[in-house]
N, C-alpha and C. Protein backbone atom coordinates (compact mmCIF):
# COMPACT_ATOMS: atom_id res chain seq x y z
N MET A 1 179.46 154.79 45.01
CA MET A 1 180.41 153.70 45.01
C MET A 1 179.92 152.58 45.92
N GLU A 2 179.32 152.96 47.04
CA GLU A 2 178.81 151.94 47.96
C GLU A 2 177.69 151.13 47.30
N ASP A 3 176.83 151.79 46.52
CA ASP A 3 175.76 151.07 45.82
C ASP A 3 176.33 150.07 44.82
N GLU A 4 177.39 150.45 44.12
CA GLU A 4 178.01 149.56 43.14
C GLU A 4 178.62 148.35 43.84
N ILE A 5 179.31 148.55 44.95
CA ILE A 5 179.90 147.44 45.70
C ILE A 5 178.81 146.50 46.21
N LYS A 6 177.73 147.07 46.75
CA LYS A 6 176.61 146.24 47.23
C LYS A 6 176.01 145.43 46.10
N SER A 7 175.88 146.04 44.91
CA SER A 7 175.33 145.35 43.75
C SER A 7 176.24 144.19 43.33
N LEU A 8 177.55 144.42 43.31
CA LEU A 8 178.49 143.36 42.96
C LEU A 8 178.42 142.19 43.95
N GLN A 9 178.28 142.52 45.22
CA GLN A 9 178.18 141.47 46.24
C GLN A 9 176.86 140.72 46.13
N LYS A 10 175.78 141.47 45.94
CA LYS A 10 174.44 140.87 45.86
C LYS A 10 174.34 139.90 44.68
N ASN A 11 174.92 140.28 43.54
CA ASN A 11 174.85 139.46 42.34
C ASN A 11 175.97 138.44 42.25
N LYS A 12 176.77 138.35 43.31
CA LYS A 12 177.87 137.38 43.40
C LYS A 12 178.79 137.47 42.19
N ARG A 13 179.23 138.69 41.86
CA ARG A 13 180.11 138.93 40.72
C ARG A 13 181.57 138.77 41.07
N TRP A 14 181.89 138.67 42.35
CA TRP A 14 183.28 138.47 42.77
C TRP A 14 183.31 137.88 44.16
N SER A 15 184.43 137.30 44.50
CA SER A 15 184.63 136.77 45.85
C SER A 15 186.12 136.89 46.17
N LEU A 16 186.41 137.00 47.44
CA LEU A 16 187.80 137.10 47.87
C LEU A 16 188.45 135.72 47.80
N THR A 17 189.65 135.67 47.27
CA THR A 17 190.41 134.42 47.20
C THR A 17 191.85 134.72 47.55
N LYS A 18 192.60 133.66 47.82
CA LYS A 18 194.02 133.83 48.08
C LYS A 18 194.75 134.03 46.76
N LEU A 19 195.74 134.90 46.77
CA LEU A 19 196.54 135.14 45.58
C LEU A 19 197.51 133.98 45.40
N LEU A 20 197.44 133.35 44.23
CA LEU A 20 198.33 132.23 43.96
C LEU A 20 199.76 132.71 43.81
N GLU A 21 200.69 131.86 44.21
CA GLU A 21 202.11 132.22 44.13
C GLU A 21 202.51 132.50 42.70
N GLY A 22 203.23 133.58 42.48
CA GLY A 22 203.68 133.95 41.15
C GLY A 22 202.72 134.87 40.41
N ASN A 23 201.52 135.06 40.93
CA ASN A 23 200.56 135.96 40.29
C ASN A 23 200.64 137.34 40.92
N LYS A 24 200.13 138.32 40.20
CA LYS A 24 200.13 139.68 40.73
C LYS A 24 198.69 140.19 40.80
N ILE A 25 198.50 141.17 41.64
CA ILE A 25 197.19 141.79 41.79
C ILE A 25 197.05 142.86 40.71
N LEU A 26 195.94 142.81 39.97
CA LEU A 26 195.68 143.82 38.95
C LEU A 26 195.02 145.02 39.62
N GLN A 27 195.43 146.20 39.22
CA GLN A 27 194.85 147.42 39.78
C GLN A 27 193.49 147.67 39.15
N ASN A 28 192.68 148.45 39.84
CA ASN A 28 191.38 148.83 39.30
C ASN A 28 191.17 150.31 39.53
N LYS A 29 190.10 150.83 38.96
CA LYS A 29 189.78 152.24 39.17
C LYS A 29 188.28 152.43 39.05
N TRP A 30 187.80 153.53 39.60
CA TRP A 30 186.40 153.91 39.52
C TRP A 30 186.22 154.80 38.30
N VAL A 31 185.20 154.51 37.49
CA VAL A 31 184.88 155.32 36.32
C VAL A 31 183.53 155.98 36.59
N TYR A 32 183.51 157.31 36.51
CA TYR A 32 182.29 158.07 36.79
C TYR A 32 181.69 158.62 35.51
N ARG A 33 180.37 158.69 35.48
CA ARG A 33 179.68 159.26 34.33
C ARG A 33 178.46 160.02 34.84
N LEU A 34 178.19 161.16 34.26
CA LEU A 34 177.02 161.94 34.61
C LEU A 34 175.89 161.52 33.68
N LYS A 35 174.83 160.96 34.25
CA LYS A 35 173.73 160.44 33.45
C LYS A 35 172.52 161.35 33.60
N GLU A 36 171.89 161.67 32.46
CA GLU A 36 170.69 162.49 32.50
C GLU A 36 169.47 161.59 32.42
N GLU A 37 168.59 161.70 33.39
CA GLU A 37 167.37 160.91 33.45
C GLU A 37 166.32 161.49 32.51
N PRO A 38 165.30 160.70 32.14
CA PRO A 38 164.24 161.21 31.27
C PRO A 38 163.50 162.43 31.84
N ASP A 39 163.45 162.52 33.17
CA ASP A 39 162.75 163.65 33.79
C ASP A 39 163.63 164.90 33.89
N GLY A 40 164.85 164.85 33.36
CA GLY A 40 165.74 166.01 33.35
C GLY A 40 166.73 166.04 34.49
N ASN A 41 166.53 165.22 35.52
CA ASN A 41 167.48 165.16 36.63
C ASN A 41 168.78 164.52 36.17
N LYS A 42 169.87 164.93 36.80
CA LYS A 42 171.17 164.36 36.50
C LYS A 42 171.70 163.63 37.73
N ARG A 43 172.37 162.50 37.49
CA ARG A 43 172.96 161.75 38.59
C ARG A 43 174.26 161.10 38.12
N TYR A 44 175.12 160.85 39.07
CA TYR A 44 176.38 160.19 38.75
C TYR A 44 176.19 158.69 38.75
N LYS A 45 176.80 158.06 37.78
CA LYS A 45 176.80 156.60 37.71
C LYS A 45 178.26 156.18 37.82
N VAL A 46 178.52 155.10 38.52
CA VAL A 46 179.90 154.70 38.77
C VAL A 46 180.07 153.21 38.47
N ARG A 47 181.23 152.86 37.95
CA ARG A 47 181.60 151.46 37.70
C ARG A 47 183.01 151.22 38.20
N LEU A 48 183.22 150.03 38.75
CA LEU A 48 184.55 149.61 39.15
C LEU A 48 185.11 148.75 38.02
N VAL A 49 186.23 149.17 37.44
CA VAL A 49 186.81 148.45 36.31
C VAL A 49 188.25 148.08 36.61
N VAL A 50 188.68 146.96 36.05
CA VAL A 50 190.07 146.53 36.21
C VAL A 50 190.88 147.13 35.08
N LYS A 51 192.11 147.44 35.37
CA LYS A 51 193.02 147.96 34.34
C LYS A 51 193.57 146.76 33.58
N GLY A 52 192.79 146.30 32.61
CA GLY A 52 193.11 145.08 31.88
C GLY A 52 194.40 145.13 31.09
N PHE A 53 194.89 146.32 30.77
CA PHE A 53 196.13 146.42 30.01
C PHE A 53 197.32 145.89 30.78
N GLN A 54 197.15 145.63 32.08
CA GLN A 54 198.25 145.09 32.88
C GLN A 54 198.37 143.58 32.74
N GLN A 55 197.36 142.96 32.13
CA GLN A 55 197.36 141.51 32.00
C GLN A 55 198.27 141.06 30.86
N ARG A 56 198.76 139.83 30.99
CA ARG A 56 199.58 139.23 29.94
C ARG A 56 198.88 137.96 29.47
N GLN A 57 198.65 137.87 28.16
CA GLN A 57 197.93 136.73 27.61
C GLN A 57 198.66 135.42 27.90
N GLY A 58 197.89 134.43 28.31
CA GLY A 58 198.44 133.13 28.64
C GLY A 58 198.96 133.04 30.06
N ILE A 59 199.14 134.19 30.72
CA ILE A 59 199.63 134.21 32.10
C ILE A 59 198.50 134.67 33.04
N ASP A 60 197.97 135.86 32.77
CA ASP A 60 196.91 136.41 33.61
C ASP A 60 195.52 136.07 33.09
N PHE A 61 195.40 135.73 31.82
CA PHE A 61 194.09 135.39 31.27
C PHE A 61 194.25 134.54 30.03
N THR A 62 193.22 133.79 29.72
CA THR A 62 193.18 133.03 28.47
C THR A 62 191.97 133.43 27.63
N LYS A 63 190.94 134.00 28.26
CA LYS A 63 189.75 134.43 27.54
C LYS A 63 189.40 135.84 27.99
N ILE A 64 188.71 136.56 27.14
CA ILE A 64 188.19 137.87 27.51
C ILE A 64 186.69 137.75 27.60
N PHE A 65 186.10 138.25 28.68
CA PHE A 65 184.66 138.13 28.90
C PHE A 65 184.12 139.44 29.44
N SER A 66 183.07 139.94 28.83
CA SER A 66 182.44 141.18 29.28
C SER A 66 181.05 140.86 29.78
N LEU A 67 180.75 141.29 31.00
CA LEU A 67 179.45 141.01 31.58
C LEU A 67 178.35 141.93 31.05
N ILE A 68 178.74 143.04 30.47
CA ILE A 68 177.76 144.06 30.09
C ILE A 68 177.80 144.30 28.59
N VAL A 69 176.64 144.23 27.95
CA VAL A 69 176.51 144.57 26.54
C VAL A 69 175.36 145.56 26.43
N LYS A 70 175.61 146.66 25.76
CA LYS A 70 174.56 147.65 25.59
C LYS A 70 173.58 147.16 24.52
N MET A 71 172.31 147.42 24.74
CA MET A 71 171.28 147.02 23.80
C MET A 71 171.50 147.66 22.44
N THR A 72 172.02 148.88 22.41
CA THR A 72 172.26 149.55 21.13
C THR A 72 173.30 148.79 20.32
N THR A 73 174.29 148.19 20.98
CA THR A 73 175.31 147.41 20.28
C THR A 73 174.68 146.19 19.62
N ILE A 74 173.80 145.51 20.34
CA ILE A 74 173.12 144.33 19.78
C ILE A 74 172.27 144.74 18.58
N LYS A 75 171.55 145.85 18.70
CA LYS A 75 170.70 146.32 17.60
C LYS A 75 171.52 146.67 16.36
N VAL A 76 172.67 147.31 16.56
CA VAL A 76 173.53 147.67 15.43
C VAL A 76 174.04 146.41 14.72
N ILE A 77 174.50 145.45 15.49
CA ILE A 77 175.02 144.21 14.90
C ILE A 77 173.91 143.48 14.14
N LEU A 78 172.73 143.39 14.73
CA LEU A 78 171.62 142.71 14.05
C LEU A 78 171.21 143.44 12.77
N SER A 79 171.23 144.77 12.80
CA SER A 79 170.86 145.52 11.59
C SER A 79 171.90 145.32 10.48
N ILE A 80 173.19 145.21 10.84
CA ILE A 80 174.23 144.94 9.84
C ILE A 80 174.04 143.55 9.25
N VAL A 81 173.70 142.57 10.09
CA VAL A 81 173.48 141.20 9.63
C VAL A 81 172.34 141.17 8.62
N VAL A 82 171.25 141.87 8.93
CA VAL A 82 170.10 141.89 8.03
C VAL A 82 170.43 142.65 6.74
N ALA A 83 171.06 143.81 6.87
CA ALA A 83 171.37 144.63 5.70
C ALA A 83 172.33 143.93 4.73
N GLU A 84 173.28 143.17 5.26
CA GLU A 84 174.29 142.50 4.44
C GLU A 84 173.93 141.04 4.13
N ASN A 85 172.76 140.62 4.59
CA ASN A 85 172.29 139.24 4.38
C ASN A 85 173.32 138.23 4.88
N LEU A 86 173.81 138.44 6.12
CA LEU A 86 174.81 137.58 6.72
C LEU A 86 174.18 136.53 7.62
N HIS A 87 174.96 135.55 8.01
CA HIS A 87 174.53 134.52 8.96
C HIS A 87 175.14 134.84 10.32
N LEU A 88 174.33 134.84 11.35
CA LEU A 88 174.83 135.18 12.70
C LEU A 88 174.78 133.95 13.60
N GLU A 89 175.87 133.71 14.31
CA GLU A 89 175.91 132.61 15.28
C GLU A 89 176.11 133.17 16.65
């Protein structure tokens, strides 16, 4: 967890700000996953995520943005575009 917090700080992914009047603090949680390395070793990977279901559209957010996209997702989408002869923007 300490490595994840250091990474967030190093990459300037968040900063402390004052809570505006009328807004609420969204809760977050740690998500753990056991990852198997190519050499057979296993290690825990951790992410800090916000409980987005607490947000209300137009009040707590206007857009949804994800910082992380898996390469496999991009490959799947591109293969569907090619297979179906679609136009991608």
